[in-house]
Amino acid sequence: VGHALSADLLPLQKHILVLSGRASFELVQKAAM
């Protein structure tokens, strides 16, 4: 997200976030942000 913020890519509505492991509450919360 820090990379996307610096690269002026936010919001990431046309992207897919892929997580290598499980999806926890905080990861979904950070993705929503």
Full PDB file with SEQRES, HELIX, SHEET, SSBOND, CRYST1, ORIGX, SCALE, CONECT and MASTER records, all heavy atoms in Angstrom:
SEQRES   1 A   33  VAL GLY HIS ALA LEU SER ALA ASP LEU LEU PRO LEU GLN          
SEQRES   2 A   33  LYS HIS ILE LEU VAL LEU SER GLY ARG ALA SER PHE GLU          
SEQRES   3 A   33  LEU VAL GLN LYS ALA ALA MET                                  
HELIX    1 AA1 GLY A    2  SER A    6  1                                   5    
HELIX    2 AA2 PHE A   25  ALA A   32  1                                   8    
CRYST1    1.000    1.000    1.000  90.00  90.00  90.00 P 1           1          
ORIGX1      1.000000  0.000000  0.000000        0.00000                         
ORIGX2      0.000000  1.000000  0.000000        0.00000                         
ORIGX3      0.000000  0.000000  1.000000        0.00000                         
SCALE1      1.000000  0.000000  0.000000        0.00000                         
SCALE2      0.000000  1.000000  0.000000        0.00000                         
SCALE3      0.000000  0.000000  1.000000        0.00000                         
ATOM      1  N   VAL A   1       0.839  -1.206   0.000  1.00  0.00           N  
ATOM      2  CA  VAL A   1       0.000   0.000   0.000  1.00  0.00           C  
ATOM      3  C   VAL A   1       0.871   1.252   0.000  1.00  0.00           C  
ATOM      4  O   VAL A   1       0.556   2.238  -0.674  1.00  0.00           O  
ATOM      5  CB  VAL A   1      -0.962  -0.006   1.210  1.00  0.00           C  
ATOM      6  CG1 VAL A   1      -1.702   1.326   1.313  1.00  0.00           C  
ATOM      7  CG2 VAL A   1      -1.962  -1.150   1.093  1.00  0.00           C  
ATOM      8  N   GLY A   2       1.981   1.204   0.734  1.00  0.00           N  
ATOM      9  CA  GLY A   2       2.904   2.335   0.727  1.00  0.00           C  
ATOM     10  C   GLY A   2       3.458   2.600  -0.659  1.00  0.00           C  
ATOM     11  O   GLY A   2       3.598   3.756  -1.086  1.00  0.00           O  
ATOM     12  N   HIS A   3       3.775   1.530  -1.389  1.00  0.00           N  
ATOM     13  CA  HIS A   3       4.229   1.680  -2.778  1.00  0.00           C  
ATOM     14  C   HIS A   3       3.137   2.300  -3.640  1.00  0.00           C  
ATOM     15  O   HIS A   3       3.395   3.230  -4.410  1.00  0.00           O  
ATOM     16  CB  HIS A   3       4.624   0.314  -3.349  1.00  0.00           C  
ATOM     17  CG  HIS A   3       4.762   0.300  -4.838  1.00  0.00           C  
ATOM     18  ND1 HIS A   3       5.857   0.831  -5.500  1.00  0.00           N  
ATOM     19  CD2 HIS A   3       3.917  -0.163  -5.816  1.00  0.00           C  
ATOM     20  CE1 HIS A   3       5.693   0.698  -6.803  1.00  0.00           C  
ATOM     21  NE2 HIS A   3       4.526   0.100  -7.018  1.00  0.00           N  
ATOM     22  N   ALA A   4       1.912   1.783  -3.512  1.00  0.00           N  
ATOM     23  CA  ALA A   4       0.798   2.301  -4.314  1.00  0.00           C  
ATOM     24  C   ALA A   4       0.506   3.753  -3.985  1.00  0.00           C  
ATOM     25  O   ALA A   4       0.185   4.553  -4.872  1.00  0.00           O  
ATOM     26  CB  ALA A   4      -0.446   1.441  -4.090  1.00  0.00           C  
ATOM     27  N   LEU A   5       0.637   4.115  -2.698  1.00  0.00           N  
ATOM     28  CA  LEU A   5       0.418   5.493  -2.279  1.00  0.00           C  
ATOM     29  C   LEU A   5       1.454   6.423  -2.908  1.00  0.00           C  
ATOM     30  O   LEU A   5       1.108   7.476  -3.458  1.00  0.00           O  
ATOM     31  CB  LEU A   5       0.490   5.571  -0.751  1.00  0.00           C  
ATOM     32  CG  LEU A   5       0.213   6.930  -0.095  1.00  0.00           C  
ATOM     33  CD1 LEU A   5      -1.217   7.366  -0.343  1.00  0.00           C  
ATOM     34  CD2 LEU A   5       0.495   6.853   1.405  1.00  0.00           C  
ATOM     35  N   SER A   6       2.710   6.016  -2.881  1.00  0.00           N  
ATOM     36  CA  SER A   6       3.779   6.829  -3.452  1.00  0.00           C  
ATOM     37  C   SER A   6       3.681   6.916  -4.970  1.00  0.00           C  
ATOM     38  O   SER A   6       4.076   7.925  -5.567  1.00  0.00           O  
ATOM     39  CB  SER A   6       5.142   6.261  -3.051  1.00  0.00           C  
ATOM     40  OG  SER A   6       5.298   6.262  -1.649  1.00  0.00           O  
ATOM     41  N   ALA A   7       3.172   5.859  -5.594  1.00  0.00           N  
ATOM     42  CA  ALA A   7       3.056   5.817  -7.054  1.00  0.00           C  
ATOM     43  C   ALA A   7       1.745   6.414  -7.553  1.00  0.00           C  
ATOM     44  O   ALA A   7       1.454   6.361  -8.756  1.00  0.00           O  
ATOM     45  CB  ALA A   7       3.194   4.380  -7.551  1.00  0.00           C  
ATOM     46  N   ASP A   8       0.936   6.965  -6.643  1.00  0.00           N  
ATOM     47  CA  ASP A   8      -0.348   7.597  -6.983  1.00  0.00           C  
ATOM     48  C   ASP A   8      -1.284   6.615  -7.690  1.00  0.00           C  
ATOM     49  O   ASP A   8      -1.943   6.958  -8.671  1.00  0.00           O  
ATOM     50  CB  ASP A   8      -0.109   8.837  -7.868  1.00  0.00           C  
ATOM     51  CG  ASP A   8      -1.334   9.755  -7.916  1.00  0.00           C  
ATOM     52  OD1 ASP A   8      -2.125   9.723  -6.958  1.00  0.00           O  
ATOM     53  OD2 ASP A   8      -1.493  10.491  -8.923  1.00  0.00           O  
ATOM     54  N   LEU A   9      -1.357   5.388  -7.171  1.00  0.00           N  
ATOM     55  CA  LEU A   9      -2.229   4.362  -7.753  1.00  0.00           C  
ATOM     56  C   LEU A   9      -3.560   4.237  -7.016  1.00  0.00           C  
ATOM     57  O   LEU A   9      -4.480   3.591  -7.512  1.00  0.00           O  
ATOM     58  CB  LEU A   9      -1.528   3.000  -7.732  1.00  0.00           C  
ATOM     59  CG  LEU A   9      -0.252   2.855  -8.567  1.00  0.00           C  
ATOM     60  CD1 LEU A   9       0.342   1.464  -8.374  1.00  0.00           C  
ATOM     61  CD2 LEU A   9      -0.543   3.114 -10.036  1.00  0.00           C  
ATOM     62  N   LEU A  10      -3.664   4.817  -5.817  1.00  0.00           N  
ATOM     63  CA  LEU A  10      -4.892   4.684  -5.018  1.00  0.00           C  
ATOM     64  C   LEU A  10      -6.014   5.543  -5.590  1.00  0.00           C  
ATOM     65  O   LEU A  10      -5.758   6.616  -6.127  1.00  0.00           O  
ATOM     66  CB  LEU A  10      -4.619   5.082  -3.568  1.00  0.00           C  
ATOM     67  CG  LEU A  10      -3.558   4.280  -2.824  1.00  0.00           C  
ATOM     68  CD1 LEU A  10      -3.424   4.785  -1.391  1.00  0.00           C  
ATOM     69  CD2 LEU A  10      -3.871   2.803  -2.823  1.00  0.00           C  
ATOM     70  N   PRO A  11      -7.269   5.095  -5.463  1.00  0.00           N  
ATOM     71  CA  PRO A  11      -7.728   3.824  -4.894  1.00  0.00           C  
ATOM     72  C   PRO A  11      -7.538   2.672  -5.878  1.00  0.00           C  
ATOM     73  O   PRO A  11      -7.567   2.871  -7.098  1.00  0.00           O  
ATOM     74  CB  PRO A  11      -9.216   4.075  -4.628  1.00  0.00           C  
ATOM     75  CG  PRO A  11      -9.608   5.067  -5.686  1.00  0.00           C  
ATOM     76  CD  PRO A  11      -8.405   5.959  -5.874  1.00  0.00           C  
ATOM     77  N   LEU A  12      -7.376   1.470  -5.343  1.00  0.00           N  
ATOM     78  CA  LEU A  12      -7.051   0.295  -6.154  1.00  0.00           C  
ATOM     79  C   LEU A  12      -8.313  -0.477  -6.531  1.00  0.00           C  
ATOM     80  O   LEU A  12      -8.431  -1.680  -6.288  1.00  0.00           O  
ATOM     81  CB  LEU A  12      -6.082  -0.599  -5.388  1.00  0.00           C  
ATOM     82  CG  LEU A  12      -4.741   0.060  -5.033  1.00  0.00           C  
ATOM     83  CD1 LEU A  12      -3.945  -0.824  -4.086  1.00  0.00           C  
ATOM     84  CD2 LEU A  12      -3.944   0.361  -6.293  1.00  0.00           C  
ATOM     85  N   GLN A  13      -9.253   0.209  -7.160  1.00  0.00           N  
ATOM     86  CA  GLN A  13     -10.545  -0.409  -7.488  1.00  0.00           C  
ATOM     87  C   GLN A  13     -10.469  -1.378  -8.663  1.00  0.00           C  
ATOM     88  O   GLN A  13     -11.321  -2.243  -8.803  1.00  0.00           O  
ATOM     89  CB  GLN A  13     -11.579   0.680  -7.793  1.00  0.00           C  
ATOM     90  CG  GLN A  13     -11.986   1.514  -6.587  1.00  0.00           C  
ATOM     91  CD  GLN A  13     -12.988   2.574  -6.966  1.00  0.00           C  
ATOM     92  OE1 GLN A  13     -12.645   3.559  -7.602  1.00  0.00           O  
ATOM     93  NE2 GLN A  13     -14.236   2.371  -6.572  1.00  0.00           N  
ATOM     94  N   LYS A  14      -9.472  -1.207  -9.519  1.00  0.00           N  
ATOM     95  CA  LYS A  14      -9.355  -2.057 -10.706  1.00  0.00           C  
ATOM     96  C   LYS A  14      -8.196  -3.037 -10.565  1.00  0.00           C  
ATOM     97  O   LYS A  14      -7.544  -3.386 -11.548  1.00  0.00           O  
ATOM     98  CB  LYS A  14      -9.172  -1.188 -11.950  1.00  0.00           C  
ATOM     99  CG  LYS A  14     -10.375  -0.315 -12.279  1.00  0.00           C  
ATOM    100  CD  LYS A  14     -10.164   0.451 -13.576  1.00  0.00           C  
ATOM    101  CE  LYS A  14     -11.385   1.294 -13.927  1.00  0.00           C  
ATOM    102  NZ  LYS A  14     -11.186   2.037 -15.193  1.00  0.00           N  
ATOM    103  N   HIS A  15      -7.947  -3.475  -9.351  1.00  0.00           N  
ATOM    104  CA  HIS A  15      -6.846  -4.389  -9.090  1.00  0.00           C  
ATOM    105  C   HIS A  15      -7.311  -5.550  -8.223  1.00  0.00           C  
ATOM    106  O   HIS A  15      -8.373  -5.488  -7.598  1.00  0.00           O  
ATOM    107  CB  HIS A  15      -5.695  -3.665  -8.393  1.00  0.00           C  
ATOM    108  CG  HIS A  15      -5.077  -2.574  -9.205  1.00  0.00           C  
ATOM    109  ND1 HIS A  15      -5.645  -1.321  -9.322  1.00  0.00           N  
ATOM    110  CD2 HIS A  15      -3.938  -2.545  -9.942  1.00  0.00           C  
ATOM    111  CE1 HIS A  15      -4.884  -0.561 -10.100  1.00  0.00           C  
ATOM    112  NE2 HIS A  15      -3.847  -1.279 -10.474  1.00  0.00           N  
ATOM    113  N   ILE A  16      -6.495  -6.590  -8.203  1.00  0.00           N  
ATOM    114  CA  ILE A  16      -6.746  -7.760  -7.366  1.00  0.00           C  
ATOM    115  C   ILE A  16      -5.606  -7.883  -6.373  1.00  0.00           C  
ATOM    116  O   ILE A  16      -4.425  -7.881  -6.764  1.00  0.00           O  
ATOM    117  CB  ILE A  16      -6.829  -9.047  -8.208  1.00  0.00           C  
ATOM    118  CG1 ILE A  16      -7.881  -8.917  -9.312  1.00  0.00           C  
ATOM    119  CG2 ILE A  16      -7.146 -10.251  -7.318  1.00  0.00           C  
ATOM    120  CD1 ILE A  16      -7.790 -10.009 -10.362  1.00  0.00           C  
ATOM    121  N   LEU A  17      -5.923  -7.961  -5.098  1.00  0.00           N  
ATOM    122  CA  LEU A  17      -4.925  -8.205  -4.071  1.00  0.00           C  
ATOM    123  C   LEU A  17      -4.828  -9.707  -3.845  1.00  0.00           C  
ATOM    124  O   LEU A  17      -5.828 -10.352  -3.532  1.00  0.00           O  
ATOM    125  CB  LEU A  17      -5.309  -7.509  -2.764  1.00  0.00           C  
ATOM    126  CG  LEU A  17      -4.449  -7.855  -1.542  1.00  0.00           C  
ATOM    127  CD1 LEU A  17      -3.014  -7.392  -1.742  1.00  0.00           C  
ATOM    128  CD2 LEU A  17      -5.056  -7.268  -0.274  1.00  0.00           C  
ATOM    129  N   VAL A  18      -3.632 -10.265  -4.006  1.00  0.00           N  
ATOM    130  CA  VAL A  18      -3.413 -11.692  -3.788  1.00  0.00           C  
ATOM    131  C   VAL A  18      -2.534 -11.865  -2.554  1.00  0.00           C  
ATOM    132  O   VAL A  18      -1.440 -11.295  -2.470  1.00  0.00           O  
ATOM    133  CB  VAL A  18      -2.758 -12.367  -5.010  1.00  0.00           C  
ATOM    134  CG1 VAL A  18      -2.583 -13.865  -4.763  1.00  0.00           C  
ATOM    135  CG2 VAL A  18      -3.619 -12.159  -6.257  1.00  0.00           C  
ATOM    136  N   LEU A  19      -3.019 -12.647  -1.604  1.00  0.00           N  
ATOM    137  CA  LEU A  19      -2.310 -12.899  -0.345  1.00  0.00           C  
ATOM    138  C   LEU A  19      -1.763 -14.314  -0.352  1.00  0.00           C  
ATOM    139  O   LEU A  19      -2.477 -15.265  -0.682  1.00  0.00           O  
ATOM    140  CB  LEU A  19      -3.261 -12.714   0.840  1.00  0.00           C  
ATOM    141  CG  LEU A  19      -3.963 -11.353   0.937  1.00  0.00           C  
ATOM    142  CD1 LEU A  19      -4.998 -11.376   2.056  1.00  0.00           C  
ATOM    143  CD2 LEU A  19      -2.946 -10.236   1.161  1.00  0.00           C  
ATOM    144  N   SER A  20      -0.506 -14.464   0.037  1.00  0.00           N  
ATOM    145  CA  SER A  20       0.140 -15.777  -0.029  1.00  0.00           C  
ATOM    146  C   SER A  20      -0.367 -16.742   1.031  1.00  0.00           C  
ATOM    147  O   SER A  20      -0.172 -17.949   0.909  1.00  0.00           O  
ATOM    148  CB  SER A  20       1.655 -15.623   0.116  1.00  0.00           C  
ATOM    149  OG  SER A  20       1.987 -15.081   1.388  1.00  0.00           O  
ATOM    150  N   GLY A  21      -1.009 -16.217   2.068  1.00  0.00           N  
ATOM    151  CA  GLY A  21      -1.502 -17.078   3.139  1.00  0.00           C  
ATOM    152  C   GLY A  21      -2.979 -16.848   3.401  1.00  0.00           C  
ATOM    153  O   GLY A  21      -3.778 -16.707   2.488  1.00  0.00           O  
ATOM    154  N   ARG A  22      -3.315 -16.780   4.692  1.00  0.00           N  
ATOM    155  CA  ARG A  22      -4.718 -16.611   5.058  1.00  0.00           C  
ATOM    156  C   ARG A  22      -5.122 -15.144   4.981  1.00  0.00           C  
ATOM    157  O   ARG A  22      -4.285 -14.245   4.919  1.00  0.00           O  
ATOM    158  CB  ARG A  22      -4.960 -17.140   6.471  1.00  0.00           C  
ATOM    159  CG  ARG A  22      -4.182 -16.408   7.561  1.00  0.00           C  
ATOM    160  CD  ARG A  22      -4.393 -17.054   8.919  1.00  0.00           C  
ATOM    161  NE  ARG A  22      -3.615 -16.397   9.959  1.00  0.00           N  
ATOM    162  CZ  ARG A  22      -4.042 -15.352  10.649  1.00  0.00           C  
ATOM    163  NH1 ARG A  22      -5.236 -14.824  10.385  1.00  0.00           N  
ATOM    164  NH2 ARG A  22      -3.292 -14.814  11.586  1.00  0.00           N  
ATOM    165  N   ALA A  23      -6.428 -14.922   4.990  1.00  0.00           N  
ATOM    166  CA  ALA A  23      -6.974 -13.564   4.987  1.00  0.00           C  
ATOM    167  C   ALA A  23      -7.525 -13.268   6.374  1.00  0.00           C  
ATOM    168  O   ALA A  23      -8.541 -13.827   6.780  1.00  0.00           O  
ATOM    169  CB  ALA A  23      -8.073 -13.424   3.937  1.00  0.00           C  
ATOM    170  N   SER A  24      -6.845 -12.404   7.112  1.00  0.00           N  
ATOM    171  CA  SER A  24      -7.274 -12.049   8.455  1.00  0.00           C  
ATOM    172  C   SER A  24      -8.114 -10.776   8.410  1.00  0.00           C  
ATOM    173  O   SER A  24      -8.199 -10.093   7.391  1.00  0.00           O  
ATOM    174  CB  SER A  24      -6.053 -11.829   9.349  1.00  0.00           C  
ATOM    175  OG  SER A  24      -5.306 -10.705   8.890  1.00  0.00           O  
ATOM    176  N   PHE A  25      -8.708 -10.454   9.559  1.00  0.00           N  
ATOM    177  CA  PHE A  25      -9.508  -9.233   9.669  1.00  0.00           C  
ATOM    178  C   PHE A  25      -8.683  -8.013   9.278  1.00  0.00           C  
ATOM    179  O   PHE A  25      -9.121  -7.169   8.503  1.00  0.00           O  
ATOM    180  CB  PHE A  25     -10.011  -9.087  11.110  1.00  0.00           C  
ATOM    181  CG  PHE A  25     -10.777  -7.817  11.376  1.00  0.00           C  
ATOM    182  CD1 PHE A  25     -12.156  -7.788  11.269  1.00  0.00           C  
ATOM    183  CD2 PHE A  25     -10.118  -6.652  11.728  1.00  0.00           C  
ATOM    184  CE1 PHE A  25     -12.869  -6.618  11.519  1.00  0.00           C  
ATOM    185  CE2 PHE A  25     -10.813  -5.477  11.975  1.00  0.00           C  
ATOM    186  CZ  PHE A  25     -12.190  -5.469  11.866  1.00  0.00           C  
ATOM    187  N   GLU A  26      -7.449  -7.923   9.821  1.00  0.00           N  
ATOM    188  CA  GLU A  26      -6.668  -6.713   9.591  1.00  0.00           C  
ATOM    189  C   GLU A  26      -6.263  -6.568   8.132  1.00  0.00           C  
ATOM    190  O   GLU A  26      -6.201  -5.454   7.608  1.00  0.00           O  
ATOM    191  CB  GLU A  26      -5.419  -6.679  10.467  1.00  0.00           C  
ATOM    192  CG  GLU A  26      -4.743  -5.317  10.406  1.00  0.00           C  
ATOM    193  CD  GLU A  26      -3.437  -5.252  11.157  1.00  0.00           C  
ATOM    194  OE1 GLU A  26      -2.745  -6.287  11.238  1.00  0.00           O  
ATOM    195  OE2 GLU A  26      -3.106  -4.167  11.648  1.00  0.00           O  
ATOM    196  N   LEU A  27      -5.996  -7.669   7.442  1.00  0.00           N  
ATOM    197  CA  LEU A  27      -5.624  -7.580   6.034  1.00  0.00           C  
ATOM    198  C   LEU A  27      -6.791  -7.060   5.196  1.00  0.00           C  
ATOM    199  O   LEU A  27      -6.607  -6.252   4.279  1.00  0.00           O  
ATOM    200  CB  LEU A  27      -5.147  -8.935   5.524  1.00  0.00           C  
ATOM    201  CG  LEU A  27      -3.841  -9.454   6.130  1.00  0.00           C  
ATOM    202  CD1 LEU A  27      -3.451 -10.790   5.509  1.00  0.00           C  
ATOM    203  CD2 LEU A  27      -2.725  -8.448   5.962  1.00  0.00           C  
ATOM    204  N   VAL A  28      -7.995  -7.515   5.507  1.00  0.00           N  
ATOM    205  CA  VAL A  28      -9.170  -7.011   4.788  1.00  0.00           C  
ATOM    206  C   VAL A  28      -9.388  -5.534   5.114  1.00  0.00           C  
ATOM    207  O   VAL A  28      -9.716  -4.721   4.248  1.00  0.00           O  
ATOM    208  CB  VAL A  28     -10.422  -7.837   5.137  1.00  0.00           C  
ATOM    209  CG1 VAL A  28     -11.666  -7.241   4.484  1.00  0.00           C  
ATOM    210  CG2 VAL A  28     -10.249  -9.286   4.679  1.00  0.00           C  
ATOM    211  N   GLN A  29      -9.162  -5.164   6.390  1.00  0.00           N  
ATOM    212  CA  GLN A  29      -9.317  -3.765   6.787  1.00  0.00           C  
ATOM    213  C   GLN A  29      -8.317  -2.869   6.060  1.00  0.00           C  
ATOM    214  O   GLN A  29      -8.658  -1.789   5.569  1.00  0.00           O  
ATOM    215  CB  GLN A  29      -9.138  -3.641   8.304  1.00  0.00           C  
ATOM    216  CG  GLN A  29      -9.274  -2.225   8.837  1.00  0.00           C  
ATOM    217  CD  GLN A  29      -7.930  -1.637   9.241  1.00  0.00           C  
ATOM    218  OE1 GLN A  29      -6.980  -2.367   9.511  1.00  0.00           O  
ATOM    219  NE2 GLN A  29      -7.841  -0.333   9.257  1.00  0.00           N  
ATOM    220  N   LYS A  30      -7.075  -3.305   5.958  1.00  0.00           N  
ATOM    221  CA  LYS A  30      -6.056  -2.529   5.258  1.00  0.00           C  
ATOM    222  C   LYS A  30      -6.386  -2.439   3.760  1.00  0.00           C  
ATOM    223  O   LYS A  30      -6.168  -1.400   3.131  1.00  0.00           O  
ATOM    224  CB  LYS A  30      -4.677  -3.155   5.473  1.00  0.00           C  
ATOM    225  CG  LYS A  30      -4.132  -2.978   6.890  1.00  0.00           C  
ATOM    226  CD  LYS A  30      -2.773  -3.654   7.049  1.00  0.00           C  
ATOM    227  CE  LYS A  30      -2.229  -3.488   8.474  1.00  0.00           C  
ATOM    228  NZ  LYS A  30      -1.893  -2.080   8.789  1.00  0.00           N  
ATOM    229  N   ALA A  31      -6.885  -3.527   3.193  1.00  0.00           N  
ATOM    230  CA  ALA A  31      -7.285  -3.514   1.786  1.00  0.00           C  
ATOM    231  C   ALA A  31      -8.426  -2.528   1.550  1.00  0.00           C  
ATOM    232  O   ALA A  31      -8.442  -1.788   0.559  1.00  0.00           O  
ATOM    233  CB  ALA A  31      -7.697  -4.916   1.337  1.00  0.00           C  
ATOM    234  N   ALA A  32      -9.385  -2.503   2.478  1.00  0.00           N  
ATOM    235  CA  ALA A  32     -10.503  -1.567   2.367  1.00  0.00           C  
ATOM    236  C   ALA A  32     -10.014  -0.127   2.420  1.00  0.00           C  
ATOM    237  O   ALA A  32     -10.517   0.747   1.695  1.00  0.00           O  
ATOM    238  CB  ALA A  32     -11.520  -1.826   3.478  1.00  0.00           C  
ATOM    239  N   MET A  33      -9.028   0.138   3.265  1.00  0.00           N  
ATOM    240  CA  MET A  33      -8.468   1.486   3.359  1.00  0.00           C  
ATOM    241  C   MET A  33      -7.858   1.929   2.037  1.00  0.00           C  
ATOM    242  O   MET A  33      -7.828   3.119   1.717  1.00  0.00           O  
ATOM    243  CB  MET A  33      -7.403   1.536   4.456  1.00  0.00           C  
ATOM    244  CG  MET A  33      -7.947   1.380   5.872  1.00  0.00           C  
ATOM    245  SD  MET A  33      -8.967   2.778   6.400  1.00  0.00           S  
ATOM    246  CE  MET A  33      -7.720   4.043   6.633  1.00  0.00           C  
TER     247      MET A  33                                                      
MASTER        0    0    0    2    0    0    0    6  246    1    0    3          
END                                                                             
